[in-house]
Amino acid sequence: MNTRFDLRQKRKARVRAKVTGTAARPRMSVFRSNQGLLVQLIDDTKGVTMAAATVKGKNKAAGKTLGAAIAELAKKRGIKIAVFDRSGYRFHGAVKEIADAAREGGLKI
């Protein structure tokens, strides 16, 4: 029987098969740990993380803070557009807040 983790890994693999990032349009990957949230802007062609931000807490307020932080980092690096990779998580709650706050910060997703 598949665990919740196994099912998320399957969803993540399906998403990653379709979503790739480049230097001009990096992949914005979201990760939820037990303690907090992490977002990375990744160039998959080189296999390099271009920018990363993390925050303690897993609620919507933490997601909003993290989305604004990654949008600010992207601006500093000259990144205007990104591909959102939800990593198998539902587009709901904190994950949705990250995307919305990044859009409000000027990052086109």
Protein backbone atom coordinates (compact mmCIF):
# COMPACT_ATOMS: atom_id res chain seq x y z
CA MET A 1 0.00 0.00 0.00
CA ASN A 2 1.31 3.43 -0.92
CA THR A 3 1.92 5.94 1.84
CA ARG A 4 1.09 9.64 1.54
CA PHE A 5 4.78 10.27 0.86
CA ASP A 6 4.86 7.68 -1.95
CA LEU A 7 1.77 9.18 -3.56
CA ARG A 8 3.29 12.69 -3.40
CA GLN A 9 6.50 11.38 -4.98
CA LYS A 10 4.46 9.97 -7.88
CA ARG A 11 2.66 13.30 -8.36
CA LYS A 12 6.00 15.12 -8.15
CA ALA A 13 7.50 12.87 -10.85
CA ARG A 14 4.54 13.53 -13.17
CA VAL A 15 4.91 17.29 -12.72
CA ARG A 16 8.71 17.20 -13.16
CA ALA A 17 8.33 15.27 -16.44
CA LYS A 18 6.55 18.31 -17.89
CA VAL A 19 8.18 21.24 -16.05
CA THR A 20 11.79 22.29 -16.65
CA GLY A 21 13.59 25.52 -15.93
CA THR A 22 16.15 27.49 -17.91
CA ALA A 23 18.35 30.46 -17.05
CA ALA A 24 15.82 32.83 -18.64
CA ARG A 25 12.81 31.07 -17.09
CA PRO A 26 13.84 29.10 -13.98
CA ARG A 27 11.74 26.52 -12.19
CA MET A 28 10.32 27.79 -8.89
CA SER A 29 10.34 24.68 -6.71
CA VAL A 30 8.44 24.53 -3.40
CA PHE A 31 9.31 22.20 -0.51
CA ARG A 32 7.41 21.80 2.75
CA SER A 33 9.42 20.38 5.65
CA ASN A 34 8.18 19.63 9.16
CA GLN A 35 9.48 23.00 10.38
CA GLY A 36 9.01 25.37 7.46
CA LEU A 37 8.80 26.17 3.77
CA LEU A 38 11.55 26.45 1.15
CA VAL A 39 11.51 27.88 -2.38
CA GLN A 40 14.28 27.63 -4.97
CA LEU A 41 14.70 29.13 -8.43
CA ILE A 42 16.44 26.38 -10.40
CA ASP A 43 18.11 26.35 -13.83
CA ASP A 44 17.67 22.70 -14.87
CA THR A 45 19.85 22.97 -17.97
CA LYS A 46 22.93 23.67 -15.80
CA GLY A 47 21.62 21.99 -12.66
CA VAL A 48 22.15 25.16 -10.62
CA THR A 49 20.06 26.83 -7.92
CA MET A 50 19.92 30.51 -8.87
CA ALA A 51 18.19 31.76 -5.70
CA ALA A 52 16.65 30.25 -2.59
CA ALA A 53 14.60 31.47 0.35
CA THR A 54 13.28 29.74 3.45
CA VAL A 55 10.97 30.59 6.32
CA LYS A 56 10.05 28.95 9.63
CA GLY A 57 6.37 28.10 9.89
CA LYS A 58 4.01 26.35 7.51
CA ASN A 59 0.88 28.52 7.57
CA LYS A 60 -0.48 30.95 4.97
CA ALA A 61 1.27 33.94 6.57
CA ALA A 62 4.63 32.16 6.25
CA GLY A 63 3.81 31.37 2.61
CA LYS A 64 3.03 35.01 1.89
CA THR A 65 6.32 36.12 3.49
CA LEU A 66 8.27 33.52 1.51
CA GLY A 67 6.62 34.46 -1.80
CA ALA A 68 7.52 38.11 -1.30
CA ALA A 69 11.11 37.18 -0.35
CA ILE A 70 11.67 35.02 -3.44
CA ALA A 71 10.17 37.71 -5.70
CA GLU A 72 12.64 40.23 -4.24
CA LEU A 73 15.58 37.84 -4.77
CA ALA A 74 14.43 37.20 -8.35
CA LYS A 75 14.32 40.95 -9.04
CA LYS A 76 17.88 41.34 -7.76
CA ARG A 77 19.04 38.55 -10.08
CA GLY A 78 17.15 39.98 -13.08
CA ILE A 79 14.58 37.18 -13.25
CA LYS A 80 11.13 38.33 -14.36
CA ILE A 81 9.41 35.05 -15.24
CA ALA A 82 9.43 31.56 -13.69
CA VAL A 83 7.69 28.19 -13.97
CA PHE A 84 5.88 27.16 -10.77
CA ASP A 85 6.67 23.62 -9.56
CA ARG A 86 4.37 22.69 -6.69
CA SER A 87 6.30 19.42 -6.12
CA GLY A 88 3.20 17.25 -5.83
CA TYR A 89 1.56 19.38 -3.12
CA ARG A 90 -1.99 20.62 -3.62
CA PHE A 91 -2.21 24.18 -4.98
CA HIS A 92 -3.92 25.23 -1.78
CA GLY A 93 -3.09 27.00 1.47
CA ALA A 94 0.56 27.97 1.96
CA VAL A 95 1.62 26.74 -1.51
CA LYS A 96 -1.00 28.96 -3.14
CA GLU A 97 0.04 31.92 -0.94
CA ILE A 98 3.66 31.53 -2.09
CA ALA A 99 2.60 31.76 -5.74
CA ASP A 100 0.21 34.67 -5.15
CA ALA A 101 2.75 36.69 -3.13
CA ALA A 102 5.44 36.08 -5.77
CA ARG A 103 3.04 37.37 -8.44
CA GLU A 104 2.27 40.43 -6.32
CA GLY A 105 6.02 40.99 -5.95
CA GLY A 106 6.38 41.25 -9.73
CA LEU A 107 7.41 37.72 -10.67
CA LYS A 108 5.39 36.36 -13.60
CA ILE A 109 4.39 32.74 -13.02
